[in-house]
Protein backbone atom coordinates (compact mmCIF):
# COMPACT_ATOMS: atom_id res chain seq x y z
CA MET A 1 4.24 42.96 -173.00
CA VAL A 2 6.16 46.18 -172.42
CA LEU A 3 9.55 46.47 -174.06
CA LEU A 4 11.84 48.82 -172.13
CA TYR A 5 14.60 49.99 -174.45
CA SER A 6 17.96 50.60 -172.84
CA SER A 7 19.96 52.26 -175.60
CA GLU A 8 23.72 51.99 -175.23
CA VAL A 9 24.08 55.00 -177.52
CA THR A 10 22.01 57.14 -175.13
CA ALA A 11 23.86 55.66 -172.14
CA ASN A 12 27.19 56.74 -173.62
CA TYR A 13 25.86 60.24 -174.33
CA PHE A 14 24.61 60.73 -170.76
CA ARG A 15 27.77 59.20 -169.31
CA ALA A 16 29.80 61.96 -170.92
CA LEU A 17 27.50 64.50 -169.19
CA GLY A 18 27.81 62.83 -165.79
CA TRP A 19 24.35 61.26 -165.71
CA ASP A 20 23.82 57.51 -165.30
CA PHE A 21 21.23 56.50 -167.91
CA ARG A 22 20.63 53.29 -165.97
CA THR A 23 18.73 55.43 -163.45
CA ASN A 24 16.06 56.03 -166.10
CA VAL A 25 15.77 52.32 -166.81
CA ARG A 26 15.68 51.40 -163.13
CA LEU A 27 12.86 53.86 -162.47
CA TRP A 28 10.83 52.21 -165.19
CA GLU A 29 11.65 48.73 -163.93
CA ALA A 30 10.49 49.68 -160.45
CA PHE A 31 7.27 51.15 -161.82
CA LEU A 32 6.46 48.12 -163.98
CA GLN A 33 7.22 45.70 -161.14
CA LYS A 34 5.08 47.74 -158.73
CA TYR A 35 2.02 47.44 -160.99
CA LYS A 36 2.80 43.88 -162.12
CA VAL A 37 3.05 44.85 -165.78
CA PRO A 38 4.88 42.16 -167.82
CA PHE A 39 8.02 43.66 -169.35
CA LYS A 40 11.37 42.87 -170.88
CA VAL A 41 14.43 45.08 -171.05
CA VAL A 42 15.69 45.30 -174.63
CA ARG A 43 19.39 46.12 -174.74
CA SER A 44 20.36 45.67 -178.38
CA VAL A 45 19.17 47.01 -181.69
CA GLU A 46 19.01 43.43 -182.98
CA GLN A 47 16.41 42.57 -180.31
CA LEU A 48 14.52 45.74 -181.13
CA GLU A 49 14.42 44.90 -184.84
CA ALA A 50 12.89 41.50 -184.07
CA SER A 51 10.25 42.84 -181.66
CA GLN A 52 6.61 43.45 -182.49
CA GLY A 53 3.37 44.17 -180.67
CA GLY A 54 2.86 45.60 -177.21
CA ALA A 55 4.39 48.88 -176.11
CA LEU A 56 7.93 50.14 -176.54
CA VAL A 57 9.13 52.54 -173.83
CA LEU A 58 11.84 55.02 -174.80
CA PRO A 59 13.10 56.50 -171.50
CA SER A 60 14.62 59.87 -172.47
CA SER A 61 16.40 58.19 -175.37
CA VAL A 62 18.10 61.40 -176.43
CA ALA A 63 20.76 59.84 -178.69
CA LEU A 64 19.94 57.08 -181.19
CA SER A 65 21.87 55.61 -184.09
CA ASP A 66 20.38 55.51 -187.56
CA ARG A 67 19.78 51.80 -187.15
CA GLU A 68 17.93 52.35 -183.86
CA ARG A 69 15.74 54.98 -185.46
CA SER A 70 14.86 52.61 -188.28
CA ALA A 71 14.12 49.79 -185.82
CA ILE A 72 11.71 51.99 -183.83
CA ALA A 73 9.99 53.14 -187.02
CA GLY A 74 9.65 49.50 -188.07
CA PHE A 75 8.18 48.57 -184.69
CA ARG A 76 5.45 51.15 -185.19
CA ALA A 77 4.86 49.99 -188.75
CA ARG A 78 4.21 46.47 -187.39
CA GLY A 79 1.49 47.85 -185.09
CA GLY A 80 3.48 48.33 -181.89
CA GLY A 81 2.83 51.35 -179.66
CA VAL A 82 5.44 53.75 -178.28
CA LEU A 83 5.58 55.67 -175.01
CA SER A 84 8.44 58.16 -175.06
CA THR A 85 9.69 60.55 -172.43
CA TRP A 86 11.31 63.92 -172.94
CA LEU A 87 13.67 64.15 -175.93
CA ALA A 88 13.99 61.14 -178.22
CA GLY A 89 16.43 60.72 -181.08
CA VAL A 90 17.45 64.39 -181.22
CA ARG A 91 21.12 63.34 -181.36
CA ASP A 92 22.85 60.79 -183.53
CA GLY A 93 24.99 57.77 -182.72
CA VAL A 94 27.97 59.89 -181.65
CA GLY A 95 25.99 62.61 -179.86
CA GLY A 96 25.74 65.11 -182.70
CA TRP A 97 22.61 67.26 -182.93
CA ARG A 98 20.02 65.95 -185.40
CA GLY A 99 17.00 68.07 -184.49
CA PHE A 100 13.40 66.97 -183.96
CA ASP A 101 12.76 65.16 -187.23
CA PHE A 102 12.68 61.71 -185.60
CA MET A 103 10.13 62.82 -183.00
CA GLN A 104 7.93 64.35 -185.68
CA ARG A 105 8.25 61.56 -188.23
CA VAL A 106 8.20 58.47 -185.99
CA LEU A 107 6.53 59.64 -182.75
CA ASP A 108 4.07 62.10 -184.36
CA VAL A 109 5.04 64.91 -182.00
CA GLY A 110 6.53 68.32 -182.68
CA VAL A 111 8.68 70.23 -180.22
CA VAL A 112 7.88 73.95 -180.05
CA GLY A 113 9.97 74.85 -177.01
CA ASP A 114 10.58 74.16 -173.34
CA THR A 115 10.14 75.95 -170.00
CA GLU A 116 13.70 77.21 -169.56
CA SER A 117 12.68 80.87 -169.85
CA GLU A 118 9.52 80.49 -167.69
CA GLU A 119 10.87 80.13 -164.16
CA ASP A 120 7.39 79.97 -162.62
CA ASP A 121 6.06 77.24 -164.91
CA THR A 122 6.82 74.34 -162.57
CA PHE A 123 3.42 72.64 -162.50
CA LEU A 124 2.16 69.97 -164.87
CA MET A 125 -1.60 70.55 -165.24
CA VAL A 126 -3.41 67.50 -166.57
CA TYR A 127 -6.52 67.51 -168.73
CA GLY A 128 -9.45 65.65 -167.22
CA ASN A 129 -11.25 62.64 -168.70
CA THR A 130 -8.82 62.08 -171.58
CA PRO A 131 -8.02 58.48 -172.58
CA VAL A 132 -4.52 58.90 -171.10
CA THR A 133 -5.04 61.04 -167.95
CA HIS A 134 -8.44 60.01 -166.62
CA HIS A 135 -7.31 58.90 -163.16
CA LEU A 136 -6.64 62.53 -162.16
CA PRO A 137 -9.18 65.36 -162.01
CA ALA A 138 -9.05 68.15 -164.56
CA GLY A 139 -6.40 70.78 -163.96
CA MET A 140 -4.66 68.79 -161.24
CA ARG A 141 -1.36 70.42 -160.30
CA MET A 142 1.68 68.14 -160.31
CA TRP A 143 4.85 69.94 -159.23
CA LEU A 144 7.97 69.15 -161.23
CA GLU A 145 11.40 70.12 -159.98
CA ARG A 146 13.15 72.85 -161.95
CA ALA A 147 16.51 71.24 -162.74
CA LYS A 148 19.00 73.00 -165.02
CA GLY A 149 19.15 71.33 -168.41
CA TRP A 150 16.17 69.05 -167.73
CA TYR A 151 13.33 71.40 -168.64
CA PRO A 152 9.91 69.99 -169.62
CA LEU A 153 9.01 70.36 -173.27
CA ARG A 154 6.20 72.19 -175.01
CA LEU A 155 4.85 69.82 -177.64
CA GLN A 156 2.36 69.70 -180.48
CA GLY A 157 0.61 66.57 -181.60
CA GLY A 158 -2.71 64.95 -182.30
CA HIS A 159 -4.30 65.44 -178.88
CA MET A 160 -3.23 67.34 -175.77
CA ALA A 161 -3.41 65.84 -172.28
CA ALA A 162 -1.40 68.19 -170.02
CA GLN A 163 0.66 71.34 -170.08
CA MET A 164 3.19 73.20 -167.96
CA MET A 165 1.86 76.30 -166.22
CA ASP A 166 2.51 78.44 -163.17
CA TRP A 167 0.64 77.89 -159.91
CA SER A 168 -2.21 80.21 -160.91
CA ARG A 169 -2.56 78.52 -164.34
CA THR A 170 -1.79 81.62 -166.38
CA ALA A 171 -2.09 80.83 -170.08
CA GLY A 172 0.47 83.21 -171.60
CA SER A 173 0.89 83.76 -175.33
CA GLY A 174 4.36 82.20 -175.28
CA LYS A 175 3.23 79.13 -173.37
CA LEU A 176 1.29 77.35 -176.05
CA GLY A 177 1.77 73.64 -176.60
CA SER A 178 1.21 70.59 -174.46
CA THR A 179 3.57 68.55 -172.29
CA ILE A 180 1.70 65.29 -172.92
CA VAL A 181 0.36 64.43 -176.37
CA PHE A 182 -1.17 61.26 -177.72
CA ASP A 183 -2.46 59.87 -180.99
CA GLU A 184 -2.95 56.69 -183.00
CA ARG A 185 -1.86 55.68 -186.47
CA GLY A 186 -3.95 53.69 -188.93
CA GLN A 187 -5.36 50.26 -188.24
CA SER A 188 -4.38 46.70 -188.98
CA ASP A 189 -5.58 43.29 -187.84
CA ARG A 190 -3.57 43.92 -184.67
CA GLY A 191 -4.99 47.39 -184.16
CA GLY A 192 -3.50 50.82 -184.68
CA SER A 193 -0.12 51.93 -183.36
CA ARG A 194 -0.71 54.24 -180.43
CA SER A 195 1.79 56.75 -179.13
CA VAL A 196 2.09 58.92 -176.04
CA ALA A 197 4.85 61.47 -175.53
CA LEU A 198 5.51 62.54 -171.93
CA GLY A 199 7.48 65.74 -172.35
CA PHE A 200 9.38 65.55 -169.06
CA PRO A 201 12.44 63.40 -168.22
CA GLU A 202 12.82 60.65 -165.61
CA ARG A 203 15.26 62.97 -163.82
CA LEU A 204 12.21 64.92 -162.59
CA TRP A 205 10.39 61.81 -161.39
CA LEU A 206 12.66 61.60 -158.36
CA SER A 207 11.05 64.59 -156.62
CA ALA A 208 7.49 64.42 -158.03
CA ASP A 209 4.48 63.27 -156.02
CA PRO A 210 4.60 59.49 -156.60
CA ALA A 211 0.82 59.03 -156.51
CA LEU A 212 0.23 61.70 -159.15
CA LEU A 213 3.15 60.57 -161.29
CA ASP A 214 2.07 56.94 -161.17
CA ALA A 215 -1.45 57.88 -162.23
CA VAL A 216 -0.17 59.76 -165.29
CA VAL A 217 2.32 57.10 -166.36
CA HIS A 218 -0.03 54.16 -165.73
CA ASN A 219 -2.91 55.73 -167.69
CA ALA A 220 -0.63 56.51 -170.61
CA LEU A 221 0.96 53.06 -170.69
CA MET A 222 -2.33 51.17 -170.49
CA TRP A 223 -3.73 53.21 -173.38
CA VAL A 224 -0.68 52.48 -175.54
CA LEU A 225 -1.18 48.78 -174.70
CA HIS A 226 -4.82 48.98 -175.91
CA GLN A 227 -6.12 48.05 -172.45
CA PRO A 228 -9.78 48.95 -171.73
CA ASP A 229 -10.53 51.03 -168.66
CA VAL A 230 -13.58 52.57 -166.97
CA TYR A 231 -14.06 55.84 -165.09
CA MET A 232 -16.89 58.12 -164.04
CA ALA A 233 -17.49 61.01 -166.42
CA ALA A 234 -16.82 64.31 -164.69
CA TRP A 235 -19.84 66.09 -166.19
CA PRO A 236 -23.35 65.20 -167.38
CA HIS A 237 -23.43 63.48 -170.74
CA PRO A 238 -22.47 64.67 -173.32
CA TYR A 239 -20.48 67.54 -171.81
CA ALA A 240 -16.70 67.60 -171.32
CA ASN A 241 -16.51 70.71 -169.09
CA ALA A 242 -18.73 73.20 -167.28
CA ALA A 243 -18.90 77.01 -167.26
CA VAL A 244 -20.71 79.33 -164.86
CA VAL A 245 -21.26 83.07 -165.27
CA ALA A 246 -21.06 84.48 -161.74
CA VAL A 247 -22.08 88.11 -161.15
CA GLU A 248 -20.83 89.65 -157.90
CA GLY A 249 -23.03 92.32 -156.35
CA VAL A 250 -20.37 94.86 -155.43
CA ASP A 251 -22.77 97.71 -156.24
CA ASN A 252 -26.50 98.31 -156.40
CA PHE A 253 -28.25 96.29 -159.10
CA GLY A 254 -29.90 98.24 -161.91
CA ALA A 255 -30.96 98.33 -165.54
CA LEU A 256 -27.42 97.58 -166.71
CA ASP A 257 -27.61 94.23 -164.94
CA LEU A 258 -30.82 93.35 -166.75
CA LYS A 259 -29.07 94.01 -170.05
CA PHE A 260 -26.19 91.78 -168.95
CA ALA A 261 -28.71 89.05 -168.07
CA GLU A 262 -30.02 89.25 -171.63
CA ARG A 263 -26.50 88.66 -172.93
CA VAL A 264 -26.22 85.54 -170.77
CA GLU A 265 -29.58 84.32 -172.02
CA SER A 266 -28.47 84.88 -175.63
CA VAL A 267 -26.12 81.87 -175.33
CA GLY A 268 -28.84 79.71 -173.75
CA ALA A 269 -27.58 80.07 -170.19
CA LYS A 270 -28.56 81.52 -166.84
CA ALA A 271 -26.18 83.37 -164.53
CA THR A 272 -25.69 83.14 -160.78
CA TYR A 273 -26.07 86.51 -159.04
CA PHE A 274 -24.36 86.88 -155.67
CA VAL A 275 -26.30 89.51 -153.77
CA SER A 276 -25.29 91.34 -150.58
CA SER A 277 -28.04 91.87 -148.03
CA GLY A 278 -26.42 95.15 -147.00
CA ASN A 279 -27.52 97.10 -150.09
CA LEU A 280 -30.60 95.04 -150.88
CA ALA A 281 -33.14 97.83 -150.36
CA LYS A 282 -31.95 99.81 -153.38
CA SER A 283 -31.58 96.71 -155.54
CA LEU A 284 -34.56 94.59 -154.55
CA ASP A 285 -36.80 95.23 -157.55
CA PHE A 286 -34.02 94.53 -160.03
CA VAL A 287 -32.86 91.39 -158.18
CA LYS A 288 -36.43 90.08 -158.17
CA LYS A 289 -36.63 90.65 -161.93
CA LEU A 290 -33.42 88.67 -162.39
CA GLY A 291 -34.92 85.81 -160.40
CA GLN A 292 -38.12 85.97 -162.41
CA ARG A 293 -36.05 85.52 -165.59
CA GLY A 294 -34.74 82.24 -164.21
CA HIS A 295 -31.32 83.39 -163.03
CA GLU A 296 -29.99 81.99 -159.77
CA ILE A 297 -29.82 84.21 -156.68
CA ALA A 298 -27.15 83.41 -154.08
CA TYR A 299 -25.51 85.09 -151.08
CA PHE A 300 -22.62 87.59 -151.12
CA GLY A 301 -22.43 88.46 -147.43
CA ASP A 302 -24.08 91.24 -145.48
CA SER A 303 -21.66 93.92 -146.70
CA PHE A 304 -18.57 94.22 -148.87
CA GLU A 305 -16.42 93.10 -145.95
CA GLY A 306 -14.53 89.83 -145.71
CA PHE A 307 -15.09 87.14 -143.08
CA ARG A 308 -11.50 85.99 -142.62
CA ASN A 309 -10.09 86.09 -139.06
CA GLN A 310 -13.36 87.19 -137.49
CA SER A 311 -14.57 85.26 -134.45
CA ARG A 312 -16.95 82.35 -134.85
CA GLU A 313 -19.68 84.30 -133.07
CA VAL A 314 -19.33 87.33 -135.35
CA GLN A 315 -19.27 85.24 -138.53
CA SER A 316 -22.24 83.14 -137.46
CA LYS A 317 -24.32 86.22 -136.66
CA ARG A 318 -23.43 87.85 -139.98
CA LEU A 319 -24.44 84.77 -141.96
CA ARG A 320 -27.74 84.37 -140.12
CA THR A 321 -28.60 88.06 -140.45
CA MET A 322 -27.74 87.97 -144.15
CA ARG A 323 -29.96 84.96 -144.69
CA GLN A 324 -32.89 86.33 -142.72
CA THR A 325 -32.76 89.64 -144.60
CA MET A 326 -32.62 88.02 -148.02
CA GLU A 327 -35.31 85.45 -147.30
CA GLY A 328 -37.53 88.07 -145.68
CA ALA A 329 -37.35 90.17 -148.84
CA GLY A 330 -39.15 87.45 -150.78
CA LEU A 331 -36.30 86.63 -153.17
CA PRO A 332 -36.44 83.31 -155.04
CA LEU A 333 -33.65 81.69 -153.02
CA ALA A 334 -33.14 77.94 -152.90
CA PRO A 335 -33.22 76.49 -149.36
CA ASP A 336 -29.57 75.50 -149.86
CA ALA A 337 -28.50 78.57 -151.85
CA GLY A 338 -24.79 79.14 -152.25
CA PHE A 339 -22.37 81.68 -150.85
CA ARG A 340 -19.34 83.62 -151.92
CA ALA A 341 -17.30 85.66 -149.48
CA PRO A 342 -16.51 89.21 -150.63
CA MET A 343 -12.91 89.47 -151.89
CA ASP A 344 -12.54 85.71 -151.26
CA ALA A 345 -11.87 86.63 -147.62
CA TYR A 346 -12.97 83.53 -145.70
CA ASP A 347 -11.34 80.96 -143.44
CA VAL A 348 -11.92 77.50 -142.00
CA VAL A 349 -14.49 78.89 -139.55
CA THR A 350 -16.49 80.36 -142.44
CA GLN A 351 -16.50 77.01 -144.21
CA GLN A 352 -17.61 75.15 -141.08
CA LEU A 353 -20.45 77.59 -140.44
CA LEU A 354 -21.66 77.35 -144.03
CA GLN A 355 -21.92 73.58 -143.65
CA GLU A 356 -23.65 73.79 -140.28
CA GLN A 357 -26.16 76.33 -141.58
CA ARG A 358 -26.90 74.13 -144.61
CA PHE A 359 -25.62 76.27 -147.45
CA GLY A 360 -25.48 74.25 -150.67
CA TYR A 361 -22.13 75.40 -151.96
CA GLN A 362 -19.33 77.90 -151.52
CA ILE A 363 -17.35 79.66 -154.24
CA ALA A 364 -13.77 79.12 -153.13
CA PHE A 365 -10.48 80.71 -154.12
CA MET A 366 -8.07 78.84 -156.41
CA ASP A 367 -5.94 77.76 -153.43
CA ALA A 368 -8.80 75.62 -152.09
CA SER A 369 -7.93 72.73 -154.39
CA ASP A 370 -5.10 71.54 -156.61
CA ALA A 371 -7.66 70.69 -159.31
CA ARG A 372 -10.19 72.65 -161.34
CA MET A 373 -13.12 70.54 -160.18
CA PRO A 374 -15.84 70.70 -157.50
CA PHE A 375 -15.15 68.79 -154.32
CA ALA A 376 -16.80 68.02 -150.99
CA PRO A 377 -14.95 69.39 -147.96
CA PRO A 378 -14.66 67.37 -144.73
CA ARG A 379 -18.17 67.16 -143.36
CA THR A 380 -19.10 69.00 -140.15
CA GLU A 381 -22.88 69.06 -140.61
CA PRO A 382 -25.13 66.23 -139.34
CA VAL A 383 -24.93 62.94 -141.21
CA GLY A 384 -27.84 62.56 -143.59
CA SER A 385 -28.05 66.18 -144.65
CA ALA A 386 -27.03 67.24 -148.14
CA ALA A 387 -23.30 67.75 -148.44
CA MET A 388 -21.99 71.22 -149.19
CA VAL A 389 -19.90 71.45 -152.36
CA MET A 390 -16.85 73.64 -152.86
CA LEU A 391 -16.58 75.29 -156.28
CA PRO A 392 -13.01 76.56 -156.78
CA ARG A 393 -12.69 79.70 -158.87
CA THR A 394 -9.50 78.88 -160.76
CA LEU A 395 -9.95 81.45 -163.51
CA GLN A 396 -9.41 85.19 -163.05
CA GLY A 397 -12.33 87.25 -164.30
CA PRO A 398 -12.13 89.35 -167.47
CA GLU A 399 -12.05 92.65 -165.57
CA GLU A 400 -9.19 91.32 -163.43
CA PHE A 401 -7.24 90.65 -166.63
CA LEU A 402 -8.08 94.12 -167.97
CA GLU A 403 -6.74 95.75 -164.80
CA GLN A 404 -3.35 94.07 -165.27
CA SER A 405 -2.66 95.24 -168.84
CA ASP A 406 -4.10 97.29 -171.68
CA PRO A 407 -7.67 96.34 -172.67
CA GLU A 408 -6.82 94.45 -175.85
CA ASP A 409 -4.06 92.33 -174.29
CA GLY A 410 -6.09 91.81 -171.12
CA LEU A 411 -9.13 90.49 -172.96
CA THR A 412 -6.93 88.27 -175.13
CA GLY A 413 -5.34 86.85 -171.98
CA PHE A 414 -8.73 86.13 -170.44
CA LEU A 415 -10.06 84.42 -173.56
CA ARG A 416 -6.90 82.33 -173.82
CA SER A 417 -7.19 81.29 -170.17
CA LEU A 418 -10.89 80.49 -170.56
CA ASP A 419 -10.15 78.33 -173.59
CA THR A 420 -7.41 76.49 -171.69
CA SER A 421 -9.70 75.89 -168.71
CA MET A 422 -12.44 74.50 -170.95
CA GLN A 423 -9.99 72.30 -172.86
CA MET A 424 -8.78 70.88 -169.55
CA GLY A 425 -12.31 69.73 -168.82
CA GLY A 426 -12.63 71.62 -165.57
CA LEU A 427 -15.09 74.06 -164.00
CA SER A 428 -14.72 77.57 -165.42
CA ILE A 429 -16.31 80.27 -163.27
CA VAL A 430 -16.45 83.49 -165.28
CA ALA A 431 -16.74 86.08 -162.51
CA VAL A 432 -17.71 89.68 -163.25
CA PRO A 433 -18.88 92.50 -160.96
CA ASN A 434 -22.39 93.78 -161.43
CA GLN A 435 -22.67 97.12 -163.20
CA SER A 436 -19.82 95.74 -165.31
CA LEU A 437 -17.58 98.17 -167.20
CA LEU A 438 -17.00 95.70 -170.02
CA THR A 439 -17.80 97.27 -173.39
CA PRO A 440 -20.39 95.74 -175.75
CA GLU A 441 -17.54 94.68 -178.03
CA GLN A 442 -15.74 92.93 -175.17
CA LEU A 443 -18.94 91.19 -174.13
CA ASP A 444 -19.42 90.06 -177.72
CA GLU A 445 -16.05 88.31 -177.61
CA ILE A 446 -16.63 86.73 -174.20
CA PHE A 447 -20.08 85.40 -174.99
CA GLY A 448 -18.92 84.40 -178.45
CA ALA A 449 -16.29 82.20 -176.82
CA LEU A 450 -18.91 80.62 -174.56
CA GLN A 451 -21.22 80.09 -177.52
CA ASP A 452 -18.43 78.47 -179.54
CA GLY A 453 -17.75 76.01 -176.73
CA LYS A 454 -21.38 75.00 -176.17
CA SER A 455 -21.11 71.67 -177.94
CA ARG A 456 -18.75 70.43 -175.22
CA ALA A 457 -19.37 72.93 -172.40
CA TRP A 458 -22.23 72.69 -169.94
CA LEU A 459 -23.37 76.31 -169.39
CA THR A 460 -25.18 76.26 -166.08
CA THR A 461 -25.50 77.98 -162.71
CA ALA A 462 -23.31 77.46 -159.66
CA GLY A 463 -26.24 75.72 -157.99
CA GLY A 464 -26.58 73.47 -161.02
CA VAL A 465 -22.94 72.41 -160.68
CA ALA A 466 -23.29 71.75 -156.94
CA GLY A 467 -26.44 69.69 -157.42
CA TRP A 468 -24.82 67.70 -160.19
CA TRP A 469 -21.73 67.01 -158.10
CA ARG A 470 -23.79 65.50 -155.31
CA GLU A 471 -25.36 63.16 -157.85
CA HIS A 472 -21.97 62.44 -159.43
CA ASP A 473 -20.55 61.37 -156.07
CA ARG A 474 -23.34 58.85 -155.57
CA ALA A 475 -21.95 56.51 -158.24
CA THR A 476 -18.67 54.65 -158.52
CA ALA A 477 -17.41 52.34 -161.27
CA THR A 478 -14.75 49.62 -161.30
CA MET A 479 -13.54 47.08 -163.83
CA THR A 480 -12.37 43.57 -162.96
CA ALA A 481 -11.30 40.53 -164.97
CA GLU A 482 -12.56 36.98 -164.68
CA GLY A 483 -10.43 34.92 -167.00
CA THR A 484 -10.73 36.63 -170.37
CA THR A 485 -14.02 38.34 -169.48
CA LEU A 486 -14.08 41.93 -168.26
CA HIS A 487 -16.74 43.05 -165.78
CA LEU A 488 -18.04 46.55 -165.11
CA SER A 489 -19.43 47.08 -161.60
CA VAL A 490 -21.38 50.23 -160.78
CA THR A 491 -22.46 51.10 -157.25
CA VAL A 492 -25.18 53.71 -156.71
CA GLN A 493 -25.63 55.05 -153.17
CA GLY A 494 -28.09 57.41 -151.54
CA LYS A 495 -31.85 57.65 -151.97
CA GLY A 496 -33.89 57.55 -155.15
CA PRO A 497 -32.76 57.13 -158.74
CA ILE A 498 -29.72 58.92 -160.17
CA GLN A 499 -30.73 62.36 -161.45
CA GLY A 500 -28.91 63.98 -164.34
CA ALA A 501 -27.00 62.30 -167.14
CA ALA A 502 -24.35 60.52 -165.08
CA ALA A 503 -22.19 58.19 -167.14
CA VAL A 504 -19.30 55.76 -167.03
CA TRP A 505 -16.77 56.31 -169.80
CA VAL A 506 -15.07 53.22 -171.21
CA ASN A 507 -11.72 53.23 -173.01
CA LEU A 508 -12.04 50.96 -176.03
CA PRO A 509 -9.29 48.44 -176.87
CA GLU A 510 -9.37 49.39 -180.55
CA ARG A 511 -10.35 52.60 -182.25
CA GLY A 512 -14.00 52.47 -183.23
CA SER A 513 -14.75 49.27 -181.29
CA ILE A 514 -18.42 48.71 -180.53
CA LEU A 515 -19.16 48.30 -176.82
CA ARG A 516 -21.87 45.89 -175.67
CA LEU A 517 -23.10 44.96 -172.19
CA SER A 518 -24.52 41.67 -171.05
CA SER A 519 -25.55 40.20 -167.72
CA ARG A 520 -26.03 36.75 -166.31
CA SER A 521 -29.10 38.01 -164.48
CA PRO A 522 -32.23 38.25 -166.64
CA ILE A 523 -33.60 41.07 -164.46
CA GLN A 524 -30.45 43.20 -164.44
CA THR A 525 -31.06 46.78 -165.59
CA MET A 526 -28.85 47.63 -168.56
CA GLY A 527 -27.23 51.01 -169.05
CA LYS A 528 -27.68 52.73 -172.40
CA ILE A 529 -24.48 52.91 -174.48
CA VAL A 530 -23.59 55.97 -176.55
CA PRO A 531 -20.33 56.86 -178.35
CA ILE A 532 -18.04 59.61 -177.05
CA ASP A 533 -15.33 59.57 -179.70
CA ALA A 534 -13.38 56.99 -181.68
CA TRP A 535 -11.63 55.73 -178.54
CA ARG A 536 -14.40 55.78 -175.93
CA SER A 537 -18.05 54.98 -175.30
CA ALA A 538 -20.30 55.98 -172.41
CA VAL A 539 -22.66 53.86 -170.32
CA LEU A 540 -25.47 56.16 -169.15
CA LEU A 541 -26.64 55.68 -165.57
CA THR A 542 -29.61 58.05 -165.55
CA GLY A 543 -32.50 56.68 -163.51
CA LEU A 544 -30.59 53.81 -161.87
CA GLN A 545 -31.89 53.04 -158.38
CA PRO A 546 -29.45 52.60 -155.47
CA GLY A 547 -27.73 49.24 -155.64
CA VAL A 548 -24.87 47.34 -157.23
CA TYR A 549 -24.92 46.55 -160.95
CA HIS A 550 -22.70 44.01 -162.70
CA TRP A 551 -22.29 43.87 -166.46
CA GLU A 552 -19.97 41.97 -168.74
CA LEU A 553 -18.09 44.15 -171.23
CA HIS A 554 -17.86 43.04 -174.86
CA PHE A 555 -15.96 44.84 -177.60
CA ASP A 556 -17.01 44.03 -181.13
CA LYS A 557 -14.57 44.58 -183.98
CA ALA A 558 -14.56 48.06 -185.44
CA PRO A 559 -16.07 48.44 -188.91
CA THR A 560 -13.51 48.49 -191.70
CA ASN A 561 -12.31 51.83 -193.05
CA HIS A 562 -13.29 53.55 -189.82
CA ALA A 563 -12.57 57.24 -190.04
CA SER A 564 -9.61 58.31 -187.94
CA GLN A 565 -10.09 60.47 -184.88
């Protein structure tokens, strides 16, 4: 049961400002009715004091009396969860300012600011594969209207799930903090009290994309209600994000590039080198040595000239000539090697030709997608051939940052943006020109950051990401209920067994629950189960043949005294 609290104290406060608080409540009622979530509107503090269990929704409950604050604290103490939006309890029963103590003490969230001074920060960027935002891909942009006095908050709490940024996802020093945070308190026989704070008000829901907004709100509410859920992991188990070092051949390759390759290898990775066929003669020996060291060789055009707005005939000829020159030179190129257009100057025609000529992937500009994840463009190549994958480059390279400010600030900005991209769970393409001017000290910091993130970051090549994404797209997972029994259904398409560590992540109903699978069929293949964190487990799909798999989900009680997340 969801308890939707309609505070008369907050209604009176908003009425004095010319805003009808009932609009907030009606928006929630419409949402809950749309998704058939059982709910009850609670209109008095007496009802609130007698309530327990389920989830309490506080819809921008800016003003609360002392008694209301105590009732909400008691609800949490009895094991109930809370989903709050925007400011909660920052004013008292007569509208006087009380500060953020209630949010910190009862909702476990600190307020560190808002976006009033950042006019460009109008996009909510969600983190991928979190327990409360898993229905949207990592880094998905959700535009929020900039309304005077209704600015989204910057929050601190147990775990971050989204933050406000500008369109290009610049992670400025004054923009720290999340706009969605979640956590869980203790445990009892009824489970721990979960909380999610959505740092934006219902006033901004009216103009937001309803599909994106619904996904965020539904995920958050189901988690607070301790409802299990299933979703495909974005990256191979056990990784939570992926990073690619992409070297652009804007100059002839030489000894300096071999030294850079050694730096990449020092963190256990291989780079992707985008090579132009136009200056290949002077670089051939060095490029071959890079390939012999296991680094990926890909295409960077036939010259340092863009493809955008050129005729189809001209672009097609350039691509074919480029390919023939590179292949004829004996380079270790994959049959479906990838491509990046110089200066990101490409168009729809370029993309269509790349598919028709069977390139494996394209490095795309950040405007190619609203998310920070690979994706398959509309297919133009013959059915049955391997799909091309688009890899959006949503992170400016370190040298681009250095050009915009002094070296120290520029590198700090890059490292901050890289950390944000990795935390979001997206694809981070670290692009640098060959013959890089980065100093050894700057490289130490960059590769130190990649090394520090290795436990959760998959350091691979662009081709590795594209190949993985084709495998990832072969599998889908759904959860259904039959009475009180939950069923996980996994469908594997294509030919041959799943390659790579594909996995289904399962939200657990209680922290530390032990997931088990069973099947009514004695010959049903069972997926291996491994823990992700205190709230989730993974069902590994590696090696599953094409077909449909049905398993019953069982959640055994968590061991006592389970360590908190």
